[in-house]
Amino acid sequence: MTMTCIGCPMGCELTVKIRGDIEVSGHVCKIGEKYAKEEVTNPVRNIATSVRVEGGDFAMLSVKPNIPVPKGKIMDCVREIHKISVKAPVRIGDVILSDAAGTGIDFIATRNVT
């Protein structure tokens, strides 16, 4: 299997072979090897989305997960977060949704809304 590393700006073309253990080649730095192994065993992504705000100076609030979301749970988390709205005021770092889609991941506010 081949993939392009997104761990650093180099964009190395990685080759991954699974023969009991995971063998990675084509990486220039250790980031590439780590990225490939994680991508094969447990791919995760950082995502950003937004929720509606009631009574604030902005109609929408940007939110992000406190840790990367497993790739297979992204849509479940997004569907759940889009069902809710929050009341102003909101501060950066406030937990907007706990345990999104049963993942144990919290979505937090990334801006202040008064």
PDB file of N, CA and C in Angstrom:
ATOM      1  N   MET A   1       0.851  -1.159   0.000  1.00  0.00           N
ATOM      2  CA  MET A   1       0.000   0.000   0.000  1.00  0.00           C
ATOM      3  C   MET A   1       0.902   1.229   0.000  1.00  0.00           C
ATOM      4  N   THR A   2       0.505   2.256  -0.727  1.00  0.00           N
ATOM      5  CA  THR A   2       1.255   3.508  -0.736  1.00  0.00           C
ATOM      6  C   THR A   2       0.356   4.628  -0.243  1.00  0.00           C
ATOM      7  N   MET A   3       0.990   5.635   0.329  1.00  0.00           N
ATOM      8  CA  MET A   3       0.269   6.814   0.815  1.00  0.00           C
ATOM      9  C   MET A   3       1.234   7.978   0.865  1.00  0.00           C
ATOM     10  N   THR A   4       0.691   9.174   0.848  1.00  0.00           N
ATOM     11  CA  THR A   4       1.495  10.375   0.984  1.00  0.00           C
ATOM     12  C   THR A   4       1.411  10.848   2.420  1.00  0.00           C
ATOM     13  N   CYS A   5       2.555  11.063   3.026  1.00  0.00           N
ATOM     14  CA  CYS A   5       2.594  11.521   4.419  1.00  0.00           C
ATOM     15  C   CYS A   5       2.145  12.974   4.499  1.00  0.00           C
ATOM     16  N   ILE A   6       1.310  13.275   5.476  1.00  0.00           N
ATOM     17  CA  ILE A   6       0.874  14.649   5.720  1.00  0.00           C
ATOM     18  C   ILE A   6       1.396  15.157   7.070  1.00  0.00           C
ATOM     19  N   GLY A   7       2.376  14.451   7.626  1.00  0.00           N
ATOM     20  CA  GLY A   7       2.918  14.808   8.939  1.00  0.00           C
ATOM     21  C   GLY A   7       3.814  16.033   8.930  1.00  0.00           C
ATOM     22  N   CYS A   8       4.428  16.338   7.793  1.00  0.00           N
ATOM     23  CA  CYS A   8       5.283  17.524   7.670  1.00  0.00           C
ATOM     24  C   CYS A   8       5.206  18.016   6.231  1.00  0.00           C
ATOM     25  N   PRO A   9       5.816  19.130   5.917  1.00  0.00           N
ATOM     26  CA  PRO A   9       5.730  19.672   4.547  1.00  0.00           C
ATOM     27  C   PRO A   9       6.429  18.855   3.467  1.00  0.00           C
ATOM     28  N   MET A  10       7.236  17.869   3.820  1.00  0.00           N
ATOM     29  CA  MET A  10       7.967  17.088   2.817  1.00  0.00           C
ATOM     30  C   MET A  10       7.041  16.277   1.908  1.00  0.00           C
ATOM     31  N   GLY A  11       5.929  15.763   2.439  1.00  0.00           N
ATOM     32  CA  GLY A  11       4.983  14.986   1.629  1.00  0.00           C
ATOM     33  C   GLY A  11       5.587  13.721   1.053  1.00  0.00           C
ATOM     34  N   CYS A  12       6.311  12.985   1.875  1.00  0.00           N
ATOM     35  CA  CYS A  12       6.974  11.756   1.423  1.00  0.00           C
ATOM     36  C   CYS A  12       5.959  10.733   0.909  1.00  0.00           C
ATOM     37  N   GLU A  13       6.342  10.021  -0.139  1.00  0.00           N
ATOM     38  CA  GLU A  13       5.547   8.913  -0.665  1.00  0.00           C
ATOM     39  C   GLU A  13       5.947   7.666   0.119  1.00  0.00           C
ATOM     40  N   LEU A  14       5.045   7.167   0.928  1.00  0.00           N
ATOM     41  CA  LEU A  14       5.334   6.054   1.830  1.00  0.00           C
ATOM     42  C   LEU A  14       4.830   4.744   1.251  1.00  0.00           C
ATOM     43  N   THR A  15       5.577   3.688   1.506  1.00  0.00           N
ATOM     44  CA  THR A  15       5.143   2.343   1.173  1.00  0.00           C
ATOM     45  C   THR A  15       4.997   1.580   2.474  1.00  0.00           C
ATOM     46  N   VAL A  16       3.837   0.957   2.663  1.00  0.00           N
ATOM     47  CA  VAL A  16       3.547   0.230   3.897  1.00  0.00           C
ATOM     48  C   VAL A  16       3.310  -1.229   3.556  1.00  0.00           C
ATOM     49  N   LYS A  17       4.019  -2.097   4.272  1.00  0.00           N
ATOM     50  CA  LYS A  17       3.835  -3.541   4.117  1.00  0.00           C
ATOM     51  C   LYS A  17       3.493  -4.110   5.485  1.00  0.00           C
ATOM     52  N   ILE A  18       2.447  -4.938   5.518  1.00  0.00           N
ATOM     53  CA  ILE A  18       2.023  -5.558   6.769  1.00  0.00           C
ATOM     54  C   ILE A  18       2.319  -7.042   6.668  1.00  0.00           C
ATOM     55  N   ARG A  19       3.296  -7.458   7.434  1.00  0.00           N
ATOM     56  CA  ARG A  19       3.702  -8.871   7.476  1.00  0.00           C
ATOM     57  C   ARG A  19       3.871  -9.245   8.942  1.00  0.00           C
ATOM     58  N   GLY A  20       2.795  -9.326   9.651  1.00  0.00           N
ATOM     59  CA  GLY A  20       2.875  -9.508  11.104  1.00  0.00           C
ATOM     60  C   GLY A  20       3.068  -8.165  11.771  1.00  0.00           C
ATOM     61  N   ASP A  21       4.209  -7.525  11.491  1.00  0.00           N
ATOM     62  CA  ASP A  21       4.404  -6.165  11.958  1.00  0.00           C
ATOM     63  C   ASP A  21       4.291  -5.224  10.761  1.00  0.00           C
ATOM     64  N   ILE A  22       4.312  -3.943  11.023  1.00  0.00           N
ATOM     65  CA  ILE A  22       4.118  -2.946   9.970  1.00  0.00           C
ATOM     66  C   ILE A  22       5.484  -2.392   9.566  1.00  0.00           C
ATOM     67  N   GLU A  23       5.815  -2.525   8.275  1.00  0.00           N
ATOM     68  CA  GLU A  23       7.068  -2.021   7.744  1.00  0.00           C
ATOM     69  C   GLU A  23       6.769  -0.799   6.882  1.00  0.00           C
ATOM     70  N   VAL A  24       7.482   0.301   7.154  1.00  0.00           N
ATOM     71  CA  VAL A  24       7.274   1.543   6.416  1.00  0.00           C
ATOM     72  C   VAL A  24       8.585   1.938   5.749  1.00  0.00           C
ATOM     73  N   SER A  25       8.500   2.314   4.481  1.00  0.00           N
ATOM     74  CA  SER A  25       9.677   2.827   3.774  1.00  0.00           C
ATOM     75  C   SER A  25       9.287   4.084   3.011  1.00  0.00           C
ATOM     76  N   GLY A  26      10.300   4.855   2.619  1.00  0.00           N
ATOM     77  CA  GLY A  26      10.061   6.076   1.847  1.00  0.00           C
ATOM     78  C   GLY A  26      10.015   7.339   2.686  1.00  0.00           C
ATOM     79  N   HIS A  27      10.090   7.207   4.003  1.00  0.00           N
ATOM     80  CA  HIS A  27      10.010   8.387   4.867  1.00  0.00           C
ATOM     81  C   HIS A  27      11.394   8.986   5.091  1.00  0.00           C
ATOM     82  N   VAL A  28      11.433  10.308   5.169  1.00  0.00           N
ATOM     83  CA  VAL A  28      12.671  11.026   5.426  1.00  0.00           C
ATOM     84  C   VAL A  28      12.866  11.227   6.930  1.00  0.00           C
ATOM     85  N   CYS A  29      11.771  11.359   7.656  1.00  0.00           N
ATOM     86  CA  CYS A  29      11.860  11.596   9.102  1.00  0.00           C
ATOM     87  C   CYS A  29      10.995  10.588   9.849  1.00  0.00           C
ATOM     88  N   LYS A  30      11.103  10.581  11.167  1.00  0.00           N
ATOM     89  CA  LYS A  30      10.337   9.642  11.991  1.00  0.00           C
ATOM     90  C   LYS A  30       8.839   9.942  11.960  1.00  0.00           C
ATOM     91  N   ILE A  31       8.474  11.159  11.636  1.00  0.00           N
ATOM     92  CA  ILE A  31       7.057  11.530  11.561  1.00  0.00           C
ATOM     93  C   ILE A  31       6.347  10.655  10.525  1.00  0.00           C
ATOM     94  N   GLY A  32       6.997  10.413   9.400  1.00  0.00           N
ATOM     95  CA  GLY A  32       6.395   9.613   8.339  1.00  0.00           C
ATOM     96  C   GLY A  32       6.117   8.188   8.766  1.00  0.00           C
ATOM     97  N   GLU A  33       7.054   7.592   9.464  1.00  0.00           N
ATOM     98  CA  GLU A  33       6.856   6.224   9.942  1.00  0.00           C
ATOM     99  C   GLU A  33       5.698   6.164  10.937  1.00  0.00           C
ATOM    100  N   LYS A  34       5.679   7.106  11.855  1.00  0.00           N
ATOM    101  CA  LYS A  34       4.594   7.154  12.855  1.00  0.00           C
ATOM    102  C   LYS A  34       3.241   7.381  12.169  1.00  0.00           C
ATOM    103  N   TYR A  35       3.201   8.331  11.227  1.00  0.00           N
ATOM    104  CA  TYR A  35       1.968   8.628  10.509  1.00  0.00           C
ATOM    105  C   TYR A  35       1.431   7.382   9.800  1.00  0.00           C
ATOM    106  N   ALA A  36       2.292   6.685   9.082  1.00  0.00           N
ATOM    107  CA  ALA A  36       1.866   5.506   8.317  1.00  0.00           C
ATOM    108  C   ALA A  36       1.327   4.416   9.233  1.00  0.00           C
ATOM    109  N   LYS A  37       2.007   4.159  10.328  1.00  0.00           N
ATOM    110  CA  LYS A  37       1.557   3.116  11.250  1.00  0.00           C
ATOM    111  C   LYS A  37       0.208   3.470  11.862  1.00  0.00           C
ATOM    112  N   GLU A  38       0.031   4.727  12.239  1.00  0.00           N
ATOM    113  CA  GLU A  38      -1.260   5.154  12.799  1.00  0.00           C
ATOM    114  C   GLU A  38      -2.355   5.118  11.744  1.00  0.00           C
ATOM    115  N   GLU A  39      -2.021   5.500  10.533  1.00  0.00           N
ATOM    116  CA  GLU A  39      -3.014   5.523   9.459  1.00  0.00           C
ATOM    117  C   GLU A  39      -3.508   4.116   9.131  1.00  0.00           C
ATOM    118  N   VAL A  40      -2.662   3.134   9.270  1.00  0.00           N
ATOM    119  CA  VAL A  40      -3.031   1.746   8.994  1.00  0.00           C
ATOM    120  C   VAL A  40      -3.795   1.138  10.171  1.00  0.00           C
ATOM    121  N   THR A  41      -3.409   1.459  11.398  1.00  0.00           N
ATOM    122  CA  THR A  41      -4.017   0.817  12.566  1.00  0.00           C
ATOM    123  C   THR A  41      -5.203   1.581  13.138  1.00  0.00           C
ATOM    124  N   ASN A  42      -5.138   2.914  13.171  1.00  0.00           N
ATOM    125  CA  ASN A  42      -6.210   3.707  13.780  1.00  0.00           C
ATOM    126  C   ASN A  42      -6.200   5.116  13.187  1.00  0.00           C
ATOM    127  N   PRO A  43      -6.737   5.285  11.972  1.00  0.00           N
ATOM    128  CA  PRO A  43      -6.709   6.617  11.357  1.00  0.00           C
ATOM    129  C   PRO A  43      -7.611   7.601  12.106  1.00  0.00           C
ATOM    130  N   VAL A  44      -7.072   8.777  12.379  1.00  0.00           N
ATOM    131  CA  VAL A  44      -7.811   9.834  13.062  1.00  0.00           C
ATOM    132  C   VAL A  44      -7.628  11.139  12.300  1.00  0.00           C
ATOM    133  N   ARG A  45      -8.543  12.079  12.529  1.00  0.00           N
ATOM    134  CA  ARG A  45      -8.476  13.382  11.879  1.00  0.00           C
ATOM    135  C   ARG A  45      -8.872  14.475  12.869  1.00  0.00           C
ATOM    136  N   ASN A  46      -8.235  15.639  12.700  1.00  0.00           N
ATOM    137  CA  ASN A  46      -8.701  16.838  13.379  1.00  0.00           C
ATOM    138  C   ASN A  46      -9.770  17.444  12.483  1.00  0.00           C
ATOM    139  N   ILE A  47     -10.869  17.828  13.053  1.00  0.00           N
ATOM    140  CA  ILE A  47     -11.941  18.430  12.269  1.00  0.00           C
ATOM    141  C   ILE A  47     -12.375  19.715  12.950  1.00  0.00           C
ATOM    142  N   ALA A  48     -13.016  20.563  12.208  1.00  0.00           N
ATOM    143  CA  ALA A  48     -13.603  21.777  12.759  1.00  0.00           C
ATOM    144  C   ALA A  48     -15.008  21.886  12.199  1.00  0.00           C
ATOM    145  N   THR A  49     -15.915  22.363  13.022  1.00  0.00           N
ATOM    146  CA  THR A  49     -17.288  22.551  12.579  1.00  0.00           C
ATOM    147  C   THR A  49     -17.877  23.696  13.391  1.00  0.00           C
ATOM    148  N   SER A  50     -19.172  23.871  13.355  1.00  0.00           N
ATOM    149  CA  SER A  50     -19.779  24.984  14.078  1.00  0.00           C
ATOM    150  C   SER A  50     -21.151  24.596  14.617  1.00  0.00           C
ATOM    151  N   VAL A  51     -21.582  25.353  15.617  1.00  0.00           N
ATOM    152  CA  VAL A  51     -22.910  25.183  16.212  1.00  0.00           C
ATOM    153  C   VAL A  51     -23.612  26.537  16.222  1.00  0.00           C
ATOM    154  N   ARG A  52     -24.925  26.493  16.285  1.00  0.00           N
ATOM    155  CA  ARG A  52     -25.714  27.717  16.352  1.00  0.00           C
ATOM    156  C   ARG A  52     -25.595  28.347  17.745  1.00  0.00           C
ATOM    157  N   VAL A  53     -25.664  29.677  17.773  1.00  0.00           N
ATOM    158  CA  VAL A  53     -25.612  30.420  19.038  1.00  0.00           C
ATOM    159  C   VAL A  53     -26.894  31.226  19.176  1.00  0.00           C
ATOM    160  N   GLU A  54     -27.485  31.153  20.351  1.00  0.00           N
ATOM    161  CA  GLU A  54     -28.679  31.943  20.643  1.00  0.00           C
ATOM    162  C   GLU A  54     -28.282  33.141  21.504  1.00  0.00           C
ATOM    163  N   GLY A  55     -28.719  34.333  21.087  1.00  0.00           N
ATOM    164  CA  GLY A  55     -28.516  35.535  21.891  1.00  0.00           C
ATOM    165  C   GLY A  55     -27.100  36.055  21.936  1.00  0.00           C
ATOM    166  N   GLY A  56     -26.298  35.732  20.941  1.00  0.00           N
ATOM    167  CA  GLY A  56     -24.917  36.188  20.944  1.00  0.00           C
ATOM    168  C   GLY A  56     -24.639  37.201  19.853  1.00  0.00           C
ATOM    169  N   ASP A  57     -23.428  37.748  19.873  1.00  0.00           N
ATOM    170  CA  ASP A  57     -23.036  38.702  18.845  1.00  0.00           C
ATOM    171  C   ASP A  57     -22.640  38.018  17.537  1.00  0.00           C
ATOM    172  N   PHE A  58     -22.593  36.692  17.537  1.00  0.00           N
ATOM    173  CA  PHE A  58     -22.390  35.896  16.327  1.00  0.00           C
ATOM    174  C   PHE A  58     -23.467  34.826  16.287  1.00  0.00           C
ATOM    175  N   ALA A  59     -23.907  34.451  15.094  1.00  0.00           N
ATOM    176  CA  ALA A  59     -24.943  33.432  14.957  1.00  0.00           C
ATOM    177  C   ALA A  59     -24.378  32.018  15.054  1.00  0.00           C
ATOM    178  N   MET A  60     -23.072  31.877  14.798  1.00  0.00           N
ATOM    179  CA  MET A  60     -22.436  30.562  14.803  1.00  0.00           C
ATOM    180  C   MET A  60     -21.166  30.611  15.655  1.00  0.00           C
ATOM    181  N   LEU A  61     -20.846  29.458  16.212  1.00  0.00           N
ATOM    182  CA  LEU A  61     -19.662  29.298  17.058  1.00  0.00           C
ATOM    183  C   LEU A  61     -18.810  28.177  16.481  1.00  0.00           C
ATOM    184  N   SER A  62     -17.535  28.458  16.235  1.00  0.00           N
ATOM    185  CA  SER A  62     -16.644  27.410  15.744  1.00  0.00           C
ATOM    186  C   SER A  62     -16.222  26.521  16.913  1.00  0.00           C
ATOM    187  N   VAL A  63     -16.168  25.217  16.637  1.00  0.00           N
ATOM    188  CA  VAL A  63     -15.784  24.236  17.649  1.00  0.00           C
ATOM    189  C   VAL A  63     -14.812  23.229  17.038  1.00  0.00           C
ATOM    190  N   LYS A  64     -14.033  22.593  17.912  1.00  0.00           N
ATOM    191  CA  LYS A  64     -13.111  21.551  17.469  1.00  0.00           C
ATOM    192  C   LYS A  64     -13.028  20.496  18.556  1.00  0.00           C
ATOM    193  N   PRO A  65     -12.585  19.292  18.198  1.00  0.00           N
ATOM    194  CA  PRO A  65     -12.451  18.243  19.214  1.00  0.00           C
ATOM    195  C   PRO A  65     -11.198  18.464  20.059  1.00  0.00           C
ATOM    196  N   ASN A  66     -11.242  17.988  21.306  1.00  0.00           N
ATOM    197  CA  ASN A  66     -10.066  18.121  22.170  1.00  0.00           C
ATOM    198  C   ASN A  66      -8.950  17.170  21.765  1.00  0.00           C
ATOM    199  N   ILE A  67      -9.281  16.107  21.062  1.00  0.00           N
ATOM    200  CA  ILE A  67      -8.299  15.182  20.485  1.00  0.00           C
ATOM    201  C   ILE A  67      -8.813  14.768  19.108  1.00  0.00           C
ATOM    202  N   PRO A  68      -7.948  14.282  18.227  1.00  0.00           N
ATOM    203  CA  PRO A  68      -8.420  13.868  16.900  1.00  0.00           C
ATOM    204  C   PRO A  68      -9.503  12.781  16.983  1.00  0.00           C
ATOM    205  N   VAL A  69     -10.402  12.821  16.015  1.00  0.00           N
ATOM    206  CA  VAL A  69     -11.556  11.923  15.956  1.00  0.00           C
ATOM    207  C   VAL A  69     -11.219  10.710  15.084  1.00  0.00           C
ATOM    208  N   PRO A  70     -11.571   9.489  15.543  1.00  0.00           N
ATOM    209  CA  PRO A  70     -11.395   8.325  14.669  1.00  0.00           C
ATOM    210  C   PRO A  70     -12.144   8.549  13.353  1.00  0.00           C
ATOM    211  N   LYS A  71     -11.489   8.231  12.262  1.00  0.00           N
ATOM    212  CA  LYS A  71     -12.037   8.509  10.936  1.00  0.00           C
ATOM    213  C   LYS A  71     -13.451   7.955  10.752  1.00  0.00           C
ATOM    214  N   GLY A  72     -13.722   6.775  11.273  1.00  0.00           N
ATOM    215  CA  GLY A  72     -15.032   6.160  11.131  1.00  0.00           C
ATOM    216  C   GLY A  72     -16.128   6.804  11.961  1.00  0.00           C
ATOM    217  N   LYS A  73     -15.767   7.716  12.868  1.00  0.00           N
ATOM    218  CA  LYS A  73     -16.751   8.372  13.738  1.00  0.00           C
ATOM    219  C   LYS A  73     -16.970   9.842  13.401  1.00  0.00           C
ATOM    220  N   ILE A  74     -16.278  10.338  12.373  1.00  0.00           N
ATOM    221  CA  ILE A  74     -16.378  11.765  12.052  1.00  0.00           C
ATOM    222  C   ILE A  74     -17.811  12.173  11.763  1.00  0.00           C
ATOM    223  N   MET A  75     -18.495  11.485  10.874  1.00  0.00           N
ATOM    224  CA  MET A  75     -19.856  11.883  10.506  1.00  0.00           C
ATOM    225  C   MET A  75     -20.815  11.755  11.677  1.00  0.00           C
ATOM    226  N   ASP A  76     -20.651  10.740  12.526  1.00  0.00           N
ATOM    227  CA  ASP A  76     -21.494  10.611  13.717  1.00  0.00           C
ATOM    228  C   ASP A  76     -21.315  11.819  14.626  1.00  0.00           C
ATOM    229  N   CYS A  77     -20.076  12.242  14.823  1.00  0.00           N
ATOM    230  CA  CYS A  77     -19.799  13.403  15.671  1.00  0.00           C
ATOM    231  C   CYS A  77     -20.379  14.678  15.071  1.00  0.00           C
ATOM    232  N   VAL A  78     -20.196  14.869  13.761  1.00  0.00           N
ATOM    233  CA  VAL A  78     -20.700  16.071  13.095  1.00  0.00           C
ATOM    234  C   VAL A  78     -22.226  16.118  13.154  1.00  0.00           C
ATOM    235  N   ARG A  79     -22.887  14.986  12.923  1.00  0.00           N
ATOM    236  CA  ARG A  79     -24.354  14.963  13.010  1.00  0.00           C
ATOM    237  C   ARG A  79     -24.823  15.349  14.410  1.00  0.00           C
ATOM    238  N   GLU A  80     -24.143  14.840  15.422  1.00  0.00           N
ATOM    239  CA  GLU A  80     -24.531  15.134  16.801  1.00  0.00           C
ATOM    240  C   GLU A  80     -24.294  16.603  17.144  1.00  0.00           C
ATOM    241  N   ILE A  81     -23.161  17.149  16.741  1.00  0.00           N
ATOM    242  CA  ILE A  81     -22.850  18.544  17.065  1.00  0.00           C
ATOM    243  C   ILE A  81     -23.800  19.495  16.341  1.00  0.00           C
ATOM    244  N   HIS A  82     -24.229  19.134  15.136  1.00  0.00           N
ATOM    245  CA  HIS A  82     -25.128  20.016  14.386  1.00  0.00           C
ATOM    246  C   HIS A  82     -26.560  20.010  14.908  1.00  0.00           C
ATOM    247  N   LYS A  83     -26.888  19.097  15.791  1.00  0.00           N
ATOM    248  CA  LYS A  83     -28.223  19.059  16.394  1.00  0.00           C
ATOM    249  C   LYS A  83     -28.378  20.058  17.538  1.00  0.00           C
ATOM    250  N   ILE A  84     -27.273  20.565  18.056  1.00  0.00           N
ATOM    251  CA  ILE A  84     -27.357  21.399  19.250  1.00  0.00           C
ATOM    252  C   ILE A  84     -27.172  22.873  18.927  1.00  0.00           C
ATOM    253  N   SER A  85     -27.582  23.703  19.873  1.00  0.00           N
ATOM    254  CA  SER A  85     -27.277  25.130  19.845  1.00  0.00           C
ATOM    255  C   SER A  85     -26.894  25.519  21.266  1.00  0.00           C
ATOM    256  N   VAL A  86     -26.158  26.589  21.389  1.00  0.00           N
ATOM    257  CA  VAL A  86     -25.702  27.055  22.702  1.00  0.00           C
ATOM    258  C   VAL A  86     -26.210  28.462  22.940  1.00  0.00           C
ATOM    259  N   LYS A  87     -26.299  28.832  24.201  1.00  0.00           N
ATOM    260  CA  LYS A  87     -26.701  30.190  24.568  1.00  0.00           C
ATOM    261  C   LYS A  87     -25.465  30.994  24.944  1.00  0.00           C
ATOM    262  N   ALA A  88     -25.423  32.215  24.441  1.00  0.00           N
ATOM    263  CA  ALA A  88     -24.322  33.115  24.782  1.00  0.00           C
ATOM    264  C   ALA A  88     -24.465  33.518  26.248  1.00  0.00           C
ATOM    265  N   PRO A  89     -23.389  33.813  26.932  1.00  0.00           N
ATOM    266  CA  PRO A  89     -22.013  33.917  26.458  1.00  0.00           C
ATOM    267  C   PRO A  89     -21.296  32.567  26.460  1.00  0.00           C
ATOM    268  N   VAL A  90     -20.321  32.464  25.576  1.00  0.00           N
ATOM    269  CA  VAL A  90     -19.467  31.277  25.465  1.00  0.00           C
ATOM    270  C   VAL A  90     -18.028  31.758  25.444  1.00  0.00           C
ATOM    271  N   ARG A  91     -17.160  31.045  26.118  1.00  0.00           N
ATOM    272  CA  ARG A  91     -15.734  31.397  26.166  1.00  0.00           C
ATOM    273  C   ARG A  91     -14.887  30.337  25.467  1.00  0.00           C
ATOM    274  N   ILE A  92     -13.774  30.767  24.916  1.00  0.00           N
ATOM    275  CA  ILE A  92     -12.830  29.825  24.308  1.00  0.00           C
ATOM    276  C   ILE A  92     -12.503  28.739  25.321  1.00  0.00           C
ATOM    277  N   GLY A  93     -12.573  27.502  24.875  1.00  0.00           N
ATOM    278  CA  GLY A  93     -12.243  26.370  25.739  1.00  0.00           C
ATOM    279  C   GLY A  93     -13.441  25.754  26.439  1.00  0.00           C
ATOM    280  N   ASP A  94     -14.604  26.434  26.416  1.00  0.00           N
ATOM    281  CA  ASP A  94     -15.806  25.844  27.012  1.00  0.00           C
ATOM    282  C   ASP A  94     -16.147  24.546  26.280  1.00  0.00           C
ATOM    283  N   VAL A  95     -16.520  23.519  27.033  1.00  0.00           N
ATOM    284  CA  VAL A  95     -16.952  22.260  26.418  1.00  0.00           C
ATOM    285  C   VAL A  95     -18.380  22.463  25.913  1.00  0.00           C
ATOM    286  N   ILE A  96     -18.557  22.293  24.629  1.00  0.00           N
ATOM    287  CA  ILE A  96     -19.856  22.484  23.988  1.00  0.00           C
ATOM    288  C   ILE A  96     -20.609  21.164  23.894  1.00  0.00           C
ATOM    289  N   LEU A  97     -19.886  20.076  23.677  1.00  0.00           N
ATOM    290  CA  LEU A  97     -20.483  18.747  23.620  1.00  0.00           C
ATOM    291  C   LEU A  97     -19.499  17.757  24.221  1.00  0.00           C
ATOM    292  N   SER A  98     -19.956  17.033  25.246  1.00  0.00           N
ATOM    293  CA  SER A  98     -19.112  16.013  25.877  1.00  0.00           C
ATOM    294  C   SER A  98     -19.402  14.650  25.266  1.00  0.00           C
ATOM    295  N   ASP A  99     -18.384  13.830  25.173  1.00  0.00           N
ATOM    296  CA  ASP A  99     -18.506  12.444  24.728  1.00  0.00           C
ATOM    297  C   ASP A  99     -19.278  12.344  23.413  1.00  0.00           C
ATOM    298  N   ALA A 100     -18.848  13.084  22.423  1.00  0.00           N
ATOM    299  CA  ALA A 100     -19.528  13.114  21.126  1.00  0.00           C
ATOM    300  C   ALA A 100     -19.627  11.709  20.538  1.00  0.00           C
ATOM    301  N   ALA A 101     -20.824  11.302  20.210  1.00  0.00           N
ATOM    302  CA  ALA A 101     -21.103  10.007  19.564  1.00  0.00           C
ATOM    303  C   ALA A 101     -20.482   8.837  20.320  1.00  0.00           C
ATOM    304  N   GLY A 102     -20.380   8.968  21.629  1.00  0.00           N
ATOM    305  CA  GLY A 102     -19.851   7.889  22.457  1.00  0.00           C
ATOM    306  C   GLY A 102     -18.359   7.649  22.306  1.00  0.00           C
ATOM    307  N   THR A 103     -17.636   8.636  21.792  1.00  0.00           N
ATOM    308  CA  THR A 103     -16.202   8.483  21.548  1.00  0.00           C
ATOM    309  C   THR A 103     -15.339   8.876  22.744  1.00  0.00           C
ATOM    310  N   GLY A 104     -15.924   9.581  23.715  1.00  0.00           N
ATOM    311  CA  GLY A 104     -15.130  10.123  24.810  1.00  0.00           C
ATOM    312  C   GLY A 104     -14.480  11.444  24.442  1.00  0.00           C
ATOM    313  N   ILE A 105     -14.757  11.937  23.256  1.00  0.00           N
ATOM    314  CA  ILE A 105     -14.157  13.176  22.758  1.00  0.00           C
ATOM    315  C   ILE A 105     -15.095  14.343  23.040  1.00  0.00           C
ATOM    316  N   ASP A 106     -14.514  15.431  23.545  1.00  0.00           N
ATOM    317  CA  ASP A 106     -15.275  16.648  23.807  1.00  0.00           C
ATOM    318  C   ASP A 106     -15.020  17.645  22.689  1.00  0.00           C
ATOM    319  N   PHE A 107     -16.075  18.355  22.291  1.00  0.00           N
ATOM    320  CA  PHE A 107     -15.920  19.465  21.349  1.00  0.00           C
ATOM    321  C   PHE A 107     -15.910  20.754  22.144  1.00  0.00           C
ATOM    322  N   ILE A 108     -14.919  21.598  21.862  1.00  0.00           N
ATOM    323  CA  ILE A 108     -14.723  22.821  22.627  1.00  0.00           C
ATOM    324  C   ILE A 108     -14.840  24.050  21.730  1.00  0.00           C
ATOM    325  N   ALA A 109     -15.218  25.155  22.366  1.00  0.00           N
ATOM    326  CA  ALA A 109     -15.352  26.426  21.654  1.00  0.00           C
ATOM    327  C   ALA A 109     -13.974  26.948  21.280  1.00  0.00           C
ATOM    328  N   THR A 110     -13.886  27.542  20.085  1.00  0.00           N
ATOM    329  CA  THR A 110     -12.616  28.086  19.636  1.00  0.00           C
ATOM    330  C   THR A 110     -12.643  29.609  19.558  1.00  0.00           C
ATOM    331  N   ARG A 111     -13.737  30.210  20.027  1.00  0.00           N
ATOM    332  CA  ARG A 111     -13.818  31.680  20.064  1.00  0.00           C
ATOM    333  C   ARG A 111     -14.761  32.091  21.166  1.00  0.00           C
ATOM    334  N   ASN A 112     -14.661  33.344  21.569  1.00  0.00           N
ATOM    335  CA  ASN A 112     -15.589  33.923  22.532  1.00  0.00           C
ATOM    336  C   ASN A 112     -16.802  34.474  21.789  1.00  0.00           C
ATOM    337  N   VAL A 113     -17.976  34.270  22.372  1.00  0.00           N
ATOM    338  CA  VAL A 113     -19.206  34.860  21.849  1.00  0.00           C
ATOM    339  C   VAL A 113     -19.930  35.455  23.042  1.00  0.00           C
ATOM    340  N   THR A 114     -20.187  36.742  22.963  1.00  0.00           N
ATOM    341  CA  THR A 114     -20.895  37.429  24.061  1.00  0.00           C
ATOM    342  C   THR A 114     -22.297  37.770  23.682  1.00  0.00           C
TER     343      THR A 114
END
